[in-house]
Amino acid sequence: MKFTNILMAIFASSIILGCTQTTKALGIKKNAPNEFNILTKAPLVVPPEYNLRPPQIGTSSSENNYSQESAREALLGNIDEVEPTRGEVVLMSKAGVGSANPEIRLEIDGSNSVERKSKGFSDQVLFWKDGSSISSNSAPIDSDVEAKRLEAIISATGGKDVKITKRPGAAKLPGL
């Protein structure tokens, strides 16, 4: 009797879980959103007349306004437009809100066309390239004096390569 009750319970649960509506109602099946139904922006539509005006500099599109408004509403709630206070008007006038240049983007783009590279390691190593390391009061090398200096080196070394040999023994420590 116990075996048949267990068998009936397993059979009934498998039938209930097999039903699609039951699995959705119980929350067993995951409901993934349909990516084609989610729209945050209006779909693109080609207008019947093709006389489109180019956007004006300094104005924002309606899509940007929509996203800004929805973000503001999500953060702050529904806030009605109110007139600024006298202090806010004074602050905005001193900040120059009304005197904004509508063609500032063109000026910025023009000034950004010139790029300057910062001094790096290679510039420090190759310091003589710009000529700033040559002092104005340095005298040119006298060829006669330089020839005598080179002759003295050749006479001391015999014109051969200089070999430095290490003496065998322990290193000499100062004070010992």
C-alpha atoms as a PDB file:
ATOM      1  CA  MET A   1       0.000   0.000   0.000  1.00  0.00           C
ATOM      2  CA  LYS A   2       2.833   2.392   0.839  1.00  0.00           C
ATOM      3  CA  PHE A   3       4.579   1.464  -2.376  1.00  0.00           C
ATOM      4  CA  THR A   4       1.514   2.266  -4.485  1.00  0.00           C
ATOM      5  CA  ASN A   5       1.022   5.617  -2.724  1.00  0.00           C
ATOM      6  CA  ILE A   6       4.637   6.578  -3.402  1.00  0.00           C
ATOM      7  CA  LEU A   7       4.322   5.442  -7.002  1.00  0.00           C
ATOM      8  CA  MET A   8       1.090   7.442  -7.442  1.00  0.00           C
ATOM      9  CA  ALA A   9       2.717  10.559  -5.917  1.00  0.00           C
ATOM     10  CA  ILE A  10       5.691  10.304  -8.274  1.00  0.00           C
ATOM     11  CA  PHE A  11       3.396   9.779 -11.250  1.00  0.00           C
ATOM     12  CA  ALA A  12       1.163  12.727 -10.297  1.00  0.00           C
ATOM     13  CA  SER A  13       4.121  15.047  -9.747  1.00  0.00           C
ATOM     14  CA  SER A  14       5.650  14.116 -13.106  1.00  0.00           C
ATOM     15  CA  ILE A  15       2.363  14.837 -14.851  1.00  0.00           C
ATOM     16  CA  ILE A  16       1.960  18.164 -13.056  1.00  0.00           C
ATOM     17  CA  LEU A  17       5.546  19.228 -13.781  1.00  0.00           C
ATOM     18  CA  GLY A  18       5.211  18.161 -17.403  1.00  0.00           C
ATOM     19  CA  CYS A  19       2.426  20.626 -18.003  1.00  0.00           C
ATOM     20  CA  THR A  20       3.817  23.878 -19.389  1.00  0.00           C
ATOM     21  CA  GLN A  21       1.293  26.117 -17.714  1.00  0.00           C
ATOM     22  CA  THR A  22       1.914  24.483 -14.342  1.00  0.00           C
ATOM     23  CA  THR A  23       5.691  24.931 -14.578  1.00  0.00           C
ATOM     24  CA  LYS A  24       5.216  28.596 -15.460  1.00  0.00           C
ATOM     25  CA  ALA A  25       2.774  29.105 -12.601  1.00  0.00           C
ATOM     26  CA  LEU A  26       5.080  27.424 -10.082  1.00  0.00           C
ATOM     27  CA  GLY A  27       8.084  29.410 -11.306  1.00  0.00           C
ATOM     28  CA  ILE A  28      10.072  26.326 -12.260  1.00  0.00           C
ATOM     29  CA  LYS A  29      10.561  27.341 -15.895  1.00  0.00           C
ATOM     30  CA  LYS A  30      12.611  30.460 -16.530  1.00  0.00           C
ATOM     31  CA  ASN A  31      10.883  33.106 -18.631  1.00  0.00           C
ATOM     32  CA  ALA A  32      13.513  34.803 -20.749  1.00  0.00           C
ATOM     33  CA  PRO A  33      12.486  38.180 -22.158  1.00  0.00           C
ATOM     34  CA  ASN A  34      11.906  38.410 -25.863  1.00  0.00           C
ATOM     35  CA  GLU A  35      14.638  40.670 -27.193  1.00  0.00           C
ATOM     36  CA  PHE A  36      12.463  41.780 -30.072  1.00  0.00           C
ATOM     37  CA  ASN A  37       9.760  43.137 -27.755  1.00  0.00           C
ATOM     38  CA  ILE A  38      12.075  45.309 -25.626  1.00  0.00           C
ATOM     39  CA  LEU A  39      12.236  48.826 -27.048  1.00  0.00           C
ATOM     40  CA  THR A  40      13.917  51.711 -25.288  1.00  0.00           C
ATOM     41  CA  LYS A  41      14.055  53.896 -28.382  1.00  0.00           C
ATOM     42  CA  ALA A  42      11.561  54.457 -31.127  1.00  0.00           C
ATOM     43  CA  PRO A  43      12.183  52.277 -34.190  1.00  0.00           C
ATOM     44  CA  LEU A  44      13.830  53.866 -37.205  1.00  0.00           C
ATOM     45  CA  VAL A  45      11.383  54.986 -39.841  1.00  0.00           C
ATOM     46  CA  VAL A  46      12.295  56.556 -43.161  1.00  0.00           C
ATOM     47  CA  PRO A  47      10.098  59.618 -43.623  1.00  0.00           C
ATOM     48  CA  PRO A  48       8.071  59.874 -46.837  1.00  0.00           C
ATOM     49  CA  GLU A  49       9.845  63.090 -47.849  1.00  0.00           C
ATOM     50  CA  TYR A  50      13.615  63.047 -47.982  1.00  0.00           C
ATOM     51  CA  ASN A  51      14.173  66.755 -47.298  1.00  0.00           C
ATOM     52  CA  LEU A  52      15.971  66.195 -44.015  1.00  0.00           C
ATOM     53  CA  ARG A  53      17.552  69.132 -42.244  1.00  0.00           C
ATOM     54  CA  PRO A  54      21.007  68.626 -40.727  1.00  0.00           C
ATOM     55  CA  PRO A  55      21.096  68.863 -36.935  1.00  0.00           C
ATOM     56  CA  GLN A  56      21.964  72.265 -35.524  1.00  0.00           C
ATOM     57  CA  ILE A  57      25.123  72.670 -33.493  1.00  0.00           C
ATOM     58  CA  GLY A  58      24.434  72.996 -29.799  1.00  0.00           C
ATOM     59  CA  THR A  59      21.026  71.327 -29.801  1.00  0.00           C
ATOM     60  CA  SER A  60      20.476  67.837 -28.468  1.00  0.00           C
ATOM     61  CA  SER A  61      18.336  65.219 -30.124  1.00  0.00           C
ATOM     62  CA  SER A  62      14.986  64.141 -28.748  1.00  0.00           C
ATOM     63  CA  GLU A  63      16.404  60.672 -28.006  1.00  0.00           C
ATOM     64  CA  ASN A  64      19.054  62.171 -25.733  1.00  0.00           C
ATOM     65  CA  ASN A  65      16.421  64.278 -24.028  1.00  0.00           C
ATOM     66  CA  TYR A  66      14.299  61.187 -23.484  1.00  0.00           C
ATOM     67  CA  SER A  67      17.146  59.223 -21.912  1.00  0.00           C
ATOM     68  CA  GLN A  68      18.148  62.171 -19.722  1.00  0.00           C
ATOM     69  CA  GLU A  69      14.583  62.700 -18.587  1.00  0.00           C
ATOM     70  CA  SER A  70      14.040  59.008 -17.863  1.00  0.00           C
ATOM     71  CA  ALA A  71      17.282  58.856 -15.851  1.00  0.00           C
ATOM     72  CA  ARG A  72      16.354  61.993 -13.894  1.00  0.00           C
ATOM     73  CA  GLU A  73      12.888  60.604 -13.218  1.00  0.00           C
ATOM     74  CA  ALA A  74      14.328  57.260 -12.080  1.00  0.00           C
ATOM     75  CA  LEU A  75      16.719  58.968  -9.661  1.00  0.00           C
ATOM     76  CA  LEU A  76      14.668  61.862  -8.358  1.00  0.00           C
ATOM     77  CA  GLY A  77      11.102  60.861  -9.097  1.00  0.00           C
ATOM     78  CA  ASN A  78       8.619  63.017 -10.959  1.00  0.00           C
ATOM     79  CA  ILE A  79       9.753  66.616 -10.440  1.00  0.00           C
ATOM     80  CA  ASP A  80       7.756  69.469 -11.926  1.00  0.00           C
ATOM     81  CA  GLU A  81       9.594  72.225 -13.740  1.00  0.00           C
ATOM     82  CA  VAL A  82       9.951  75.211 -11.415  1.00  0.00           C
ATOM     83  CA  GLU A  83      11.349  78.657 -11.984  1.00  0.00           C
ATOM     84  CA  PRO A  84      14.873  79.158 -10.608  1.00  0.00           C
ATOM     85  CA  THR A  85      15.215  81.219  -7.472  1.00  0.00           C
ATOM     86  CA  ARG A  86      16.830  84.646  -7.481  1.00  0.00           C
ATOM     87  CA  GLY A  87      20.061  83.239  -6.081  1.00  0.00           C
ATOM     88  CA  GLU A  88      20.194  80.573  -8.785  1.00  0.00           C
ATOM     89  CA  VAL A  89      19.631  83.205 -11.475  1.00  0.00           C
ATOM     90  CA  VAL A  90      22.490  85.338 -10.101  1.00  0.00           C
ATOM     91  CA  LEU A  91      24.769  82.296  -9.904  1.00  0.00           C
ATOM     92  CA  MET A  92      23.945  81.265 -13.475  1.00  0.00           C
ATOM     93  CA  SER A  93      24.464  84.793 -14.811  1.00  0.00           C
ATOM     94  CA  LYS A  94      27.871  85.059 -13.092  1.00  0.00           C
ATOM     95  CA  ALA A  95      28.817  81.656 -14.507  1.00  0.00           C
ATOM     96  CA  GLY A  96      27.956  82.917 -17.993  1.00  0.00           C
ATOM     97  CA  VAL A  97      25.198  80.426 -18.788  1.00  0.00           C
ATOM     98  CA  GLY A  98      23.518  82.651 -21.363  1.00  0.00           C
ATOM     99  CA  SER A  99      26.728  83.578 -23.182  1.00  0.00           C
ATOM    100  CA  ALA A 100      27.776  80.102 -24.319  1.00  0.00           C
ATOM    101  CA  ASN A 101      29.440  79.953 -27.717  1.00  0.00           C
ATOM    102  CA  PRO A 102      27.322  77.754 -30.036  1.00  0.00           C
ATOM    103  CA  GLU A 103      30.369  77.005 -32.206  1.00  0.00           C
ATOM    104  CA  ILE A 104      32.630  75.853 -29.366  1.00  0.00           C
ATOM    105  CA  ARG A 105      32.901  72.382 -30.887  1.00  0.00           C
ATOM    106  CA  LEU A 106      34.540  73.822 -34.013  1.00  0.00           C
ATOM    107  CA  GLU A 107      37.037  75.759 -31.912  1.00  0.00           C
ATOM    108  CA  ILE A 108      37.890  72.702 -29.827  1.00  0.00           C
ATOM    109  CA  ASP A 109      38.293  70.533 -32.908  1.00  0.00           C
ATOM    110  CA  GLY A 110      40.584  73.138 -34.462  1.00  0.00           C
ATOM    111  CA  SER A 111      42.746  73.418 -31.375  1.00  0.00           C
ATOM    112  CA  ASN A 112      42.953  69.653 -30.973  1.00  0.00           C
ATOM    113  CA  SER A 113      44.450  69.189 -34.427  1.00  0.00           C
ATOM    114  CA  VAL A 114      47.863  70.119 -33.011  1.00  0.00           C
ATOM    115  CA  GLU A 115      49.126  67.382 -30.756  1.00  0.00           C
ATOM    116  CA  ARG A 116      52.236  67.632 -28.643  1.00  0.00           C
ATOM    117  CA  LYS A 117      54.147  64.617 -27.463  1.00  0.00           C
ATOM    118  CA  SER A 118      55.407  64.671 -23.914  1.00  0.00           C
ATOM    119  CA  LYS A 119      59.119  64.279 -23.272  1.00  0.00           C
ATOM    120  CA  GLY A 120      59.946  60.655 -22.793  1.00  0.00           C
ATOM    121  CA  PHE A 121      63.014  58.646 -21.961  1.00  0.00           C
ATOM    122  CA  SER A 122      64.330  58.725 -25.521  1.00  0.00           C
ATOM    123  CA  ASP A 123      64.124  62.530 -25.559  1.00  0.00           C
ATOM    124  CA  GLN A 124      66.212  62.676 -22.403  1.00  0.00           C
ATOM    125  CA  VAL A 125      68.802  60.275 -23.828  1.00  0.00           C
ATOM    126  CA  LEU A 126      68.989  62.134 -27.136  1.00  0.00           C
ATOM    127  CA  PHE A 127      69.367  65.517 -25.448  1.00  0.00           C
ATOM    128  CA  TRP A 128      71.836  66.871 -28.015  1.00  0.00           C
ATOM    129  CA  LYS A 129      69.288  66.738 -30.867  1.00  0.00           C
ATOM    130  CA  ASP A 130      67.650  70.035 -29.958  1.00  0.00           C
ATOM    131  CA  GLY A 131      71.016  71.800 -29.402  1.00  0.00           C
ATOM    132  CA  SER A 132      70.130  72.955 -25.912  1.00  0.00           C
ATOM    133  CA  SER A 133      73.052  71.115 -24.269  1.00  0.00           C
ATOM    134  CA  ILE A 134      75.717  73.032 -26.195  1.00  0.00           C
ATOM    135  CA  SER A 135      76.701  76.014 -24.114  1.00  0.00           C
ATOM    136  CA  SER A 136      77.365  79.267 -25.899  1.00  0.00           C
ATOM    137  CA  ASN A 137      80.667  79.921 -24.073  1.00  0.00           C
ATOM    138  CA  SER A 138      82.335  76.586 -24.912  1.00  0.00           C
ATOM    139  CA  ALA A 139      85.394  76.810 -27.136  1.00  0.00           C
ATOM    140  CA  PRO A 140      85.971  74.546 -30.116  1.00  0.00           C
ATOM    141  CA  ILE A 141      88.576  71.799 -29.792  1.00  0.00           C
ATOM    142  CA  ASP A 142      92.095  72.890 -30.715  1.00  0.00           C
ATOM    143  CA  SER A 143      93.472  70.333 -33.153  1.00  0.00           C
ATOM    144  CA  ASP A 144      97.125  70.771 -32.076  1.00  0.00           C
ATOM    145  CA  VAL A 145      96.331  70.240 -28.375  1.00  0.00           C
ATOM    146  CA  GLU A 146      94.142  67.208 -29.180  1.00  0.00           C
ATOM    147  CA  ALA A 147      96.910  65.681 -31.345  1.00  0.00           C
ATOM    148  CA  LYS A 148      99.447  66.069 -28.483  1.00  0.00           C
ATOM    149  CA  ARG A 149      96.976  64.449 -26.050  1.00  0.00           C
ATOM    150  CA  LEU A 150      96.464  61.460 -28.355  1.00  0.00           C
ATOM    151  CA  GLU A 151     100.258  61.098 -28.878  1.00  0.00           C
ATOM    152  CA  ALA A 152     100.769  61.011 -25.107  1.00  0.00           C
ATOM    153  CA  ILE A 153      98.187  58.228 -24.797  1.00  0.00           C
ATOM    154  CA  ILE A 154      99.816  56.232 -27.604  1.00  0.00           C
ATOM    155  CA  SER A 155     103.314  56.640 -26.117  1.00  0.00           C
ATOM    156  CA  ALA A 156     102.064  55.496 -22.690  1.00  0.00           C
ATOM    157  CA  THR A 157     100.273  52.420 -24.066  1.00  0.00           C
ATOM    158  CA  GLY A 158     102.681  51.676 -26.886  1.00  0.00           C
ATOM    159  CA  GLY A 159      99.871  51.938 -29.429  1.00  0.00           C
ATOM    160  CA  LYS A 160      98.375  48.674 -28.220  1.00  0.00           C
ATOM    161  CA  ASP A 161      95.078  47.882 -26.509  1.00  0.00           C
ATOM    162  CA  VAL A 162      95.023  48.472 -22.788  1.00  0.00           C
ATOM    163  CA  LYS A 163      94.520  45.310 -20.729  1.00  0.00           C
ATOM    164  CA  ILE A 164      93.487  45.537 -17.117  1.00  0.00           C
ATOM    165  CA  THR A 165      94.480  42.510 -15.054  1.00  0.00           C
ATOM    166  CA  LYS A 166      93.192  41.644 -11.633  1.00  0.00           C
ATOM    167  CA  ARG A 167      95.708  40.696  -8.962  1.00  0.00           C
ATOM    168  CA  PRO A 168      95.031  37.374  -7.332  1.00  0.00           C
ATOM    169  CA  GLY A 169      94.038  37.488  -3.721  1.00  0.00           C
ATOM    170  CA  ALA A 170      91.252  38.609  -1.519  1.00  0.00           C
ATOM    171  CA  ALA A 171      89.642  41.948  -1.879  1.00  0.00           C
ATOM    172  CA  LYS A 172      91.229  44.673   0.169  1.00  0.00           C
ATOM    173  CA  LEU A 173      88.827  46.178   2.606  1.00  0.00           C
ATOM    174  CA  PRO A 174      89.393  49.717   3.762  1.00  0.00           C
ATOM    175  CA  GLY A 175      90.851  50.006   7.255  1.00  0.00           C
ATOM    176  CA  LEU A 176      92.360  46.485   7.344  1.00  0.00           C
END
